[in-house]
Amino acid sequence: MAEIITKDSDEFKELTGWIKKTGKAVENATVRIRPTIADEHYLKGDDVCRKLHISRRTLQTLRDEKAILYTSIGGTLLYPESGLYEVLKKNYRDFRRFMK
């Protein structure tokens, strides 16, 4: 005789638990994936602010002053990751040498 599985059965609860864990894993993986265009990784504005520890207003100022590269696709501003690294390298100052 076949066993009937209901929403209250342990098997059903275990299965739904696995489905929820899988869904969370997919969500987490999706967040880490960055879009690439012509082998370049692009970041959205919120990602740039988080990585550089700056406000959205500061990001706007950097755009206005043409200090960072960006492109607009479908109304979304995207920032080439390599361009951000170039700006950081160009403007890097080692303040530790002044602390001695």
Protein backbone atom coordinates (compact mmCIF):
# COMPACT_ATOMS: atom_id res chain seq x y z
CA MET A 1 0.00 0.00 0.00
CA ALA A 2 1.31 3.49 -0.94
CA GLU A 3 2.03 6.05 1.74
CA ILE A 4 0.24 9.37 1.43
CA ILE A 5 2.38 12.44 1.91
CA THR A 6 0.59 15.50 3.25
CA LYS A 7 1.75 19.03 4.01
CA ASP A 8 2.08 18.00 7.66
CA SER A 9 4.28 14.98 6.96
CA ASP A 10 8.01 15.03 7.73
CA GLU A 11 8.84 14.17 4.12
CA PHE A 12 6.93 17.19 2.82
CA LYS A 13 8.55 19.52 5.38
CA GLU A 14 12.00 18.20 4.48
CA LEU A 15 11.35 18.66 0.76
CA THR A 16 10.09 22.23 1.18
CA GLY A 17 13.11 22.98 3.37
CA TRP A 18 15.44 21.82 0.61
CA ILE A 19 13.55 23.88 -1.95
CA LYS A 20 13.85 27.01 0.21
CA LYS A 21 17.59 26.41 0.78
CA THR A 22 18.13 25.94 -2.95
CA GLY A 23 16.22 29.14 -3.69
CA LYS A 24 18.37 31.09 -1.21
CA ALA A 25 21.56 29.62 -2.72
CA VAL A 26 20.44 30.71 -6.21
CA GLU A 27 19.62 34.20 -4.91
CA ASN A 28 23.02 34.52 -3.24
CA ALA A 29 24.82 33.32 -6.38
CA THR A 30 22.84 35.75 -8.55
CA VAL A 31 23.85 38.69 -6.36
CA ARG A 32 27.54 37.85 -6.79
CA ILE A 33 27.33 37.59 -10.59
CA ARG A 34 28.24 40.82 -12.33
CA PRO A 35 27.26 41.54 -15.93
CA THR A 36 30.03 41.50 -18.51
CA ILE A 37 30.11 43.34 -21.79
CA ALA A 38 33.08 42.75 -24.09
CA ASP A 39 34.97 41.05 -21.24
CA GLU A 40 34.48 44.04 -18.91
CA HIS A 41 32.72 43.76 -15.56
CA TYR A 42 30.26 46.56 -14.82
CA LEU A 43 28.90 47.62 -11.45
CA LYS A 44 25.71 49.45 -10.59
CA GLY A 45 25.89 52.68 -8.61
CA ASP A 46 24.94 51.09 -5.28
CA ASP A 47 27.71 48.51 -5.73
CA VAL A 48 30.25 51.25 -6.47
CA CYS A 49 29.18 53.21 -3.38
CA ARG A 50 29.48 50.12 -1.22
CA LYS A 51 32.90 49.14 -2.60
CA LEU A 52 34.35 52.65 -2.37
CA HIS A 53 32.58 53.58 0.87
CA ILE A 54 31.11 56.73 -0.66
CA SER A 55 27.63 58.25 -0.77
CA ARG A 56 25.44 58.41 -3.83
CA ARG A 57 25.98 62.19 -3.86
CA THR A 58 29.75 61.70 -3.97
CA LEU A 59 29.30 59.27 -6.84
CA GLN A 60 27.24 61.92 -8.64
CA THR A 61 30.02 64.47 -8.07
CA LEU A 62 32.63 62.07 -9.45
CA ARG A 63 30.47 61.62 -12.57
CA ASP A 64 29.92 65.38 -12.94
CA GLU A 65 33.66 66.03 -12.66
CA LYS A 66 34.32 63.22 -15.15
CA ALA A 67 36.60 61.59 -12.58
CA ILE A 68 35.12 58.15 -13.24
CA LEU A 69 33.92 56.41 -16.36
CA TYR A 70 30.33 55.28 -16.72
CA THR A 71 27.81 54.33 -19.34
CA SER A 72 24.04 54.36 -19.42
CA ILE A 73 22.14 51.36 -20.73
CA GLY A 74 18.38 51.55 -20.66
CA GLY A 75 18.49 54.33 -18.07
CA THR A 76 20.75 52.33 -15.74
CA LEU A 77 24.17 53.78 -15.04
CA LEU A 78 26.95 51.21 -15.14
CA TYR A 79 30.57 51.69 -14.12
CA PRO A 80 33.40 49.64 -15.67
CA GLU A 81 35.27 47.94 -12.85
CA SER A 82 38.65 48.39 -14.52
CA GLY A 83 38.01 52.15 -14.77
CA LEU A 84 37.31 52.34 -11.05
CA TYR A 85 40.57 50.52 -10.28
CA GLU A 86 42.47 52.91 -12.54
CA VAL A 87 41.06 55.93 -10.68
CA LEU A 88 41.98 54.35 -7.35
CA LYS A 89 45.53 53.58 -8.51
CA LYS A 90 46.01 57.04 -9.98
CA ASN A 91 44.83 58.79 -6.82
CA TYR A 92 46.41 56.47 -4.25
CA ARG A 93 48.45 58.24 -1.58
CA ASP A 94 50.32 56.31 1.08
CA PHE A 95 49.64 58.34 4.20
CA ARG A 96 51.60 55.93 6.37
CA ARG A 97 54.81 57.63 5.29
CA PHE A 98 53.62 60.86 6.95
CA MET A 99 52.85 59.07 10.20
CA LYS A 100 56.53 58.30 10.99
